[in-house]
């Protein structure tokens, strides 16, 4: 019985020893959390913000004669730029549509103009 008690006490002391946290564990958790935030910012937030800024600049610089594609996939040529953040596009000869500037797709418009320039 005495050996069992001694073994039990040793086992409790070993468990207590292994369950203790190191003194720097809190600092390491903060460093890892900070690292995750930095990675998240540089791989997710910053590229998206740059892309939005580029799209906004493109939409503000639209002028008459630009070939554009809307986010709905409608192709046209800018006929008139209005002051109320809308534009008028000609989708076929004599057929015009009034749309918001924010409905112009940067990626598709660039691809359309790149294809037109290659021909």
N, C-alpha and C. Protein backbone atom coordinates (compact mmCIF):
# COMPACT_ATOMS: atom_id res chain seq x y z
N UNK A 1 0.82 -1.18 0.00
CA UNK A 1 0.00 0.00 0.00
C UNK A 1 0.87 1.26 0.00
N UNK A 2 1.97 1.24 0.71
CA UNK A 2 2.85 2.39 0.82
C UNK A 2 3.46 2.70 -0.55
N UNK A 3 3.81 1.67 -1.31
CA UNK A 3 4.38 1.91 -2.64
C UNK A 3 3.32 2.49 -3.58
N UNK A 4 2.09 2.06 -3.41
CA UNK A 4 1.01 2.60 -4.23
C UNK A 4 0.82 4.09 -3.95
N UNK A 5 0.84 4.48 -2.68
CA UNK A 5 0.69 5.87 -2.29
C UNK A 5 1.86 6.69 -2.81
N UNK A 6 3.06 6.13 -2.68
CA UNK A 6 4.25 6.83 -3.15
C UNK A 6 4.20 7.00 -4.68
N UNK A 7 3.77 5.96 -5.39
CA UNK A 7 3.64 6.01 -6.84
C UNK A 7 2.57 7.03 -7.25
N UNK A 8 1.48 7.05 -6.50
CA UNK A 8 0.39 7.99 -6.76
C UNK A 8 0.86 9.43 -6.55
N UNK A 9 1.60 9.66 -5.48
CA UNK A 9 2.11 11.00 -5.20
C UNK A 9 3.11 11.44 -6.29
N UNK A 10 3.95 10.52 -6.72
CA UNK A 10 4.91 10.83 -7.78
C UNK A 10 4.17 11.17 -9.07
N UNK A 11 3.12 10.42 -9.37
CA UNK A 11 2.33 10.66 -10.57
C UNK A 11 1.66 12.03 -10.53
N UNK A 12 1.14 12.42 -9.36
CA UNK A 12 0.51 13.73 -9.20
C UNK A 12 1.54 14.84 -9.38
N UNK A 13 2.74 14.67 -8.82
CA UNK A 13 3.78 15.68 -8.96
C UNK A 13 4.22 15.80 -10.42
N UNK A 14 4.31 14.69 -11.13
CA UNK A 14 4.71 14.72 -12.54
C UNK A 14 3.65 15.44 -13.37
N UNK A 15 2.36 15.14 -13.11
CA UNK A 15 1.28 15.81 -13.84
C UNK A 15 1.29 17.31 -13.57
N UNK A 16 1.50 17.68 -12.33
CA UNK A 16 1.56 19.10 -11.96
C UNK A 16 2.73 19.77 -12.67
N UNK A 17 3.86 19.10 -12.76
CA UNK A 17 5.04 19.64 -13.42
C UNK A 17 4.77 19.85 -14.90
N UNK A 18 4.17 18.89 -15.57
CA UNK A 18 3.94 18.99 -17.00
C UNK A 18 2.80 19.94 -17.35
N UNK A 19 1.88 20.19 -16.46
CA UNK A 19 0.75 21.06 -16.75
C UNK A 19 1.06 22.54 -16.53
N UNK A 20 2.19 22.83 -15.94
CA UNK A 20 2.54 24.21 -15.70
C UNK A 20 2.95 24.88 -17.02
N UNK A 21 2.48 26.09 -17.21
CA UNK A 21 2.82 26.84 -18.42
C UNK A 21 4.17 27.51 -18.24
N UNK A 22 4.86 27.66 -19.34
CA UNK A 22 6.14 28.35 -19.26
C UNK A 22 5.88 29.84 -19.03
N UNK A 23 6.82 30.55 -18.46
CA UNK A 23 6.59 31.96 -18.15
C UNK A 23 6.40 32.84 -19.39
N UNK A 24 6.89 32.43 -20.54
CA UNK A 24 6.81 33.24 -21.76
C UNK A 24 5.65 32.82 -22.66
N UNK A 25 4.74 31.97 -22.20
CA UNK A 25 3.66 31.47 -23.05
C UNK A 25 2.73 32.59 -23.48
N UNK A 26 2.42 33.52 -22.61
CA UNK A 26 1.53 34.63 -22.96
C UNK A 26 2.12 35.52 -24.04
N UNK A 27 3.41 35.77 -23.95
CA UNK A 27 4.09 36.60 -24.93
C UNK A 27 4.11 35.90 -26.29
N UNK A 28 4.35 34.61 -26.29
CA UNK A 28 4.39 33.85 -27.55
C UNK A 28 3.01 33.85 -28.21
N UNK A 29 1.96 33.73 -27.43
CA UNK A 29 0.61 33.77 -28.00
C UNK A 29 0.32 35.12 -28.64
N UNK A 30 0.76 36.20 -27.99
CA UNK A 30 0.57 37.53 -28.56
C UNK A 30 1.37 37.71 -29.85
N UNK A 31 2.59 37.17 -29.86
CA UNK A 31 3.42 37.26 -31.06
C UNK A 31 2.76 36.50 -32.21
N UNK A 32 2.26 35.30 -31.95
CA UNK A 32 1.61 34.52 -33.00
C UNK A 32 0.33 35.20 -33.48
N UNK A 33 -0.44 35.74 -32.57
CA UNK A 33 -1.66 36.45 -32.94
C UNK A 33 -1.32 37.69 -33.79
N UNK A 34 -0.32 38.43 -33.38
CA UNK A 34 0.12 39.59 -34.15
C UNK A 34 0.61 39.18 -35.54
N UNK A 35 1.34 38.08 -35.62
CA UNK A 35 1.80 37.58 -36.92
C UNK A 35 0.64 37.19 -37.83
N UNK A 36 -0.38 36.58 -37.26
CA UNK A 36 -1.55 36.20 -38.05
C UNK A 36 -2.28 37.44 -38.57
N UNK A 37 -2.36 38.47 -37.76
CA UNK A 37 -3.02 39.70 -38.18
C UNK A 37 -2.23 40.36 -39.31
N UNK A 38 -0.91 40.39 -39.20
CA UNK A 38 -0.07 40.99 -40.24
C UNK A 38 -0.22 40.21 -41.55
N UNK A 39 -0.18 38.89 -41.49
CA UNK A 39 -0.34 38.07 -42.69
C UNK A 39 -1.71 38.30 -43.31
N UNK A 40 -2.75 38.33 -42.48
CA UNK A 40 -4.11 38.56 -42.96
C UNK A 40 -4.20 39.91 -43.67
N UNK A 41 -3.58 40.93 -43.09
CA UNK A 41 -3.62 42.27 -43.69
C UNK A 41 -2.93 42.28 -45.05
N UNK A 42 -1.72 41.74 -45.14
CA UNK A 42 -0.95 41.81 -46.38
C UNK A 42 -1.47 40.89 -47.48
N UNK A 43 -2.13 39.80 -47.13
CA UNK A 43 -2.62 38.88 -48.15
C UNK A 43 -4.10 39.03 -48.46
N UNK A 44 -4.88 39.70 -47.60
CA UNK A 44 -6.31 39.79 -47.83
C UNK A 44 -6.78 41.24 -47.95
N UNK A 45 -6.52 42.06 -46.99
CA UNK A 45 -7.11 43.39 -46.92
C UNK A 45 -6.43 44.36 -47.89
N UNK A 46 -5.12 44.42 -47.87
CA UNK A 46 -4.39 45.40 -48.68
C UNK A 46 -4.60 45.19 -50.18
N UNK A 47 -4.49 43.96 -50.71
CA UNK A 47 -4.73 43.79 -52.15
C UNK A 47 -6.15 44.17 -52.56
N UNK A 48 -7.13 43.85 -51.72
CA UNK A 48 -8.51 44.20 -52.04
C UNK A 48 -8.71 45.71 -52.05
N UNK A 49 -8.09 46.42 -51.12
CA UNK A 49 -8.19 47.87 -51.08
C UNK A 49 -7.53 48.51 -52.31
N UNK A 50 -6.39 47.97 -52.73
CA UNK A 50 -5.71 48.49 -53.92
C UNK A 50 -6.55 48.25 -55.17
N UNK A 51 -7.17 47.09 -55.24
CA UNK A 51 -8.02 46.77 -56.38
C UNK A 51 -9.23 47.71 -56.44
N UNK A 52 -9.85 48.00 -55.31
CA UNK A 52 -10.99 48.91 -55.26
C UNK A 52 -10.57 50.33 -55.64
N UNK A 53 -9.40 50.74 -55.19
CA UNK A 53 -8.89 52.08 -55.52
C UNK A 53 -8.64 52.21 -57.02
N UNK A 54 -8.08 51.18 -57.63
CA UNK A 54 -7.82 51.17 -59.07
C UNK A 54 -9.13 51.22 -59.86
N UNK A 55 -10.13 50.46 -59.42
CA UNK A 55 -11.43 50.45 -60.10
C UNK A 55 -12.10 51.81 -60.00
N UNK A 56 -12.03 52.45 -58.84
CA UNK A 56 -12.64 53.77 -58.65
C UNK A 56 -11.97 54.80 -59.55
N UNK A 57 -10.64 54.75 -59.65
CA UNK A 57 -9.91 55.68 -60.51
C UNK A 57 -10.31 55.48 -61.97
N UNK A 58 -10.45 54.21 -62.39
CA UNK A 58 -10.85 53.89 -63.76
C UNK A 58 -12.24 54.46 -64.05
N UNK A 59 -13.16 54.30 -63.11
CA UNK A 59 -14.53 54.78 -63.31
C UNK A 59 -14.60 56.30 -63.35
N UNK A 60 -13.75 56.97 -62.59
CA UNK A 60 -13.73 58.43 -62.61
C UNK A 60 -13.13 58.99 -63.89
N UNK A 61 -12.24 58.24 -64.53
CA UNK A 61 -11.55 58.72 -65.73
C UNK A 61 -12.25 58.32 -67.02
N UNK A 62 -13.47 57.77 -66.94
CA UNK A 62 -14.19 57.41 -68.15
C UNK A 62 -14.49 58.65 -68.97
N UNK A 63 -14.36 58.52 -70.29
CA UNK A 63 -14.66 59.64 -71.17
C UNK A 63 -15.32 59.13 -72.44
N UNK A 64 -15.84 60.03 -73.20
CA UNK A 64 -16.58 59.69 -74.42
C UNK A 64 -15.67 58.90 -75.37
N UNK A 65 -16.22 57.82 -75.90
CA UNK A 65 -15.49 57.00 -76.86
C UNK A 65 -14.84 55.76 -76.25
N UNK A 66 -14.78 55.66 -74.92
CA UNK A 66 -14.19 54.49 -74.26
C UNK A 66 -15.10 53.27 -74.44
N UNK A 67 -14.48 52.14 -74.76
CA UNK A 67 -15.23 50.89 -74.82
C UNK A 67 -15.27 50.29 -73.43
N UNK A 68 -16.47 49.92 -72.98
CA UNK A 68 -16.65 49.42 -71.62
C UNK A 68 -17.52 48.17 -71.62
N UNK A 69 -17.41 47.43 -70.51
CA UNK A 69 -18.28 46.28 -70.25
C UNK A 69 -18.83 46.47 -68.85
N UNK A 70 -20.14 46.31 -68.69
CA UNK A 70 -20.75 46.46 -67.37
C UNK A 70 -20.59 45.17 -66.58
N UNK A 71 -20.90 45.23 -65.30
CA UNK A 71 -20.82 44.03 -64.47
C UNK A 71 -21.88 43.02 -64.85
N UNK A 72 -22.88 43.46 -65.62
CA UNK A 72 -23.91 42.54 -66.13
C UNK A 72 -23.49 41.93 -67.47
N UNK A 73 -22.36 42.38 -68.02
CA UNK A 73 -21.86 41.82 -69.26
C UNK A 73 -22.30 42.56 -70.51
N UNK A 74 -22.87 43.75 -70.35
CA UNK A 74 -23.32 44.54 -71.49
C UNK A 74 -22.14 45.33 -72.05
N UNK A 75 -21.87 45.17 -73.34
CA UNK A 75 -20.78 45.87 -74.00
C UNK A 75 -21.31 47.15 -74.61
N UNK A 76 -20.52 48.21 -74.58
CA UNK A 76 -20.94 49.46 -75.18
C UNK A 76 -19.80 50.45 -75.26
N UNK A 77 -20.13 51.59 -75.84
CA UNK A 77 -19.17 52.68 -75.98
C UNK A 77 -19.74 53.88 -75.24
N UNK A 78 -18.91 54.52 -74.43
CA UNK A 78 -19.37 55.67 -73.64
C UNK A 78 -19.74 56.79 -74.60
N UNK A 79 -20.99 57.27 -74.50
CA UNK A 79 -21.47 58.35 -75.35
C UNK A 79 -21.47 59.69 -74.60
N UNK A 80 -21.79 59.64 -73.30
CA UNK A 80 -21.87 60.87 -72.52
C UNK A 80 -21.58 60.55 -71.06
N UNK A 81 -20.78 61.40 -70.41
CA UNK A 81 -20.50 61.27 -68.98
C UNK A 81 -21.29 62.35 -68.26
N UNK A 82 -22.22 61.93 -67.40
CA UNK A 82 -23.07 62.88 -66.67
C UNK A 82 -22.43 63.26 -65.35
N UNK A 83 -22.91 64.38 -64.78
CA UNK A 83 -22.38 64.86 -63.50
C UNK A 83 -22.90 64.08 -62.30
N UNK A 84 -23.99 63.33 -62.47
CA UNK A 84 -24.61 62.63 -61.35
C UNK A 84 -24.10 61.19 -61.19
N UNK A 85 -22.86 60.96 -61.50
CA UNK A 85 -22.19 59.64 -61.42
C UNK A 85 -22.84 58.59 -62.30
N UNK A 86 -23.44 59.03 -63.40
CA UNK A 86 -23.96 58.09 -64.39
C UNK A 86 -23.30 58.37 -65.72
N UNK A 87 -23.38 57.40 -66.61
CA UNK A 87 -22.89 57.56 -67.98
C UNK A 87 -23.95 57.02 -68.93
N UNK A 88 -23.86 57.49 -70.15
CA UNK A 88 -24.75 56.99 -71.19
C UNK A 88 -23.88 56.19 -72.14
N UNK A 89 -24.23 54.94 -72.36
CA UNK A 89 -23.44 54.11 -73.28
C UNK A 89 -24.31 53.73 -74.47
N UNK A 90 -23.64 53.59 -75.60
CA UNK A 90 -24.31 53.16 -76.82
C UNK A 90 -24.03 51.67 -76.97
N UNK A 91 -25.10 50.86 -76.87
CA UNK A 91 -24.93 49.41 -76.92
C UNK A 91 -25.06 48.88 -78.33
N UNK A 92 -25.78 49.57 -79.18
CA UNK A 92 -25.85 49.30 -80.61
C UNK A 92 -26.14 50.62 -81.29
N UNK A 93 -25.90 50.76 -82.57
CA UNK A 93 -26.10 52.06 -83.23
C UNK A 93 -27.51 52.62 -82.98
N UNK A 94 -27.55 53.76 -82.31
CA UNK A 94 -28.81 54.44 -82.03
C UNK A 94 -29.52 53.97 -80.78
N UNK A 95 -28.95 53.01 -80.05
CA UNK A 95 -29.56 52.48 -78.82
C UNK A 95 -28.67 52.84 -77.63
N UNK A 96 -29.23 53.62 -76.70
CA UNK A 96 -28.45 54.13 -75.58
C UNK A 96 -29.01 53.63 -74.25
N UNK A 97 -28.11 53.48 -73.28
CA UNK A 97 -28.51 53.10 -71.92
C UNK A 97 -27.83 54.04 -70.95
N UNK A 98 -28.56 54.42 -69.91
CA UNK A 98 -27.99 55.25 -68.85
C UNK A 98 -27.71 54.32 -67.67
N UNK A 99 -26.45 54.28 -67.25
CA UNK A 99 -26.07 53.38 -66.15
C UNK A 99 -25.17 54.12 -65.16
N UNK A 100 -25.02 53.55 -63.99
CA UNK A 100 -24.12 54.09 -62.97
C UNK A 100 -22.67 53.78 -63.35
N UNK A 101 -21.78 54.68 -63.00
CA UNK A 101 -20.35 54.44 -63.25
C UNK A 101 -19.86 53.21 -62.48
N UNK A 102 -20.43 53.00 -61.31
CA UNK A 102 -20.00 51.87 -60.49
C UNK A 102 -20.37 50.52 -61.11
N UNK A 103 -21.21 50.54 -62.17
CA UNK A 103 -21.60 49.30 -62.83
C UNK A 103 -20.62 48.90 -63.93
N UNK A 104 -19.57 49.67 -64.12
CA UNK A 104 -18.56 49.36 -65.13
C UNK A 104 -17.52 48.44 -64.52
N UNK A 105 -17.25 47.34 -65.20
CA UNK A 105 -16.27 46.36 -64.72
C UNK A 105 -14.88 46.72 -65.23
N UNK A 106 -13.96 46.92 -64.31
CA UNK A 106 -12.58 47.25 -64.67
C UNK A 106 -11.92 46.09 -65.42
N UNK A 107 -12.02 44.90 -64.87
CA UNK A 107 -11.34 43.74 -65.46
C UNK A 107 -11.84 43.44 -66.86
N UNK A 108 -13.15 43.40 -67.04
CA UNK A 108 -13.71 43.06 -68.35
C UNK A 108 -13.45 44.17 -69.36
N UNK A 109 -13.51 45.43 -68.93
CA UNK A 109 -13.25 46.54 -69.85
C UNK A 109 -11.79 46.53 -70.29
N UNK A 110 -10.88 46.27 -69.36
CA UNK A 110 -9.46 46.18 -69.72
C UNK A 110 -9.22 45.03 -70.69
N UNK A 111 -9.88 43.90 -70.45
CA UNK A 111 -9.72 42.75 -71.33
C UNK A 111 -10.27 43.06 -72.73
N UNK A 112 -11.40 43.75 -72.80
CA UNK A 112 -11.98 44.14 -74.08
C UNK A 112 -11.05 45.07 -74.84
N UNK A 113 -10.51 46.07 -74.16
CA UNK A 113 -9.60 47.02 -74.81
C UNK A 113 -8.28 46.38 -75.20
N UNK A 114 -7.82 45.41 -74.39
CA UNK A 114 -6.58 44.71 -74.73
C UNK A 114 -6.78 43.86 -75.99
N UNK A 115 -7.94 43.21 -76.10
CA UNK A 115 -8.25 42.39 -77.28
C UNK A 115 -8.38 43.28 -78.51
N UNK A 116 -9.03 44.44 -78.35
CA UNK A 116 -9.19 45.38 -79.46
C UNK A 116 -7.84 45.93 -79.92
N UNK A 117 -6.94 46.18 -79.00
CA UNK A 117 -5.62 46.70 -79.34
C UNK A 117 -4.76 45.66 -80.04
N UNK A 118 -4.99 44.38 -79.72
CA UNK A 118 -4.20 43.31 -80.33
C UNK A 118 -4.59 43.08 -81.80
N UNK A 119 -5.80 43.43 -82.17
CA UNK A 119 -6.27 43.20 -83.55
C UNK A 119 -5.74 44.18 -84.52
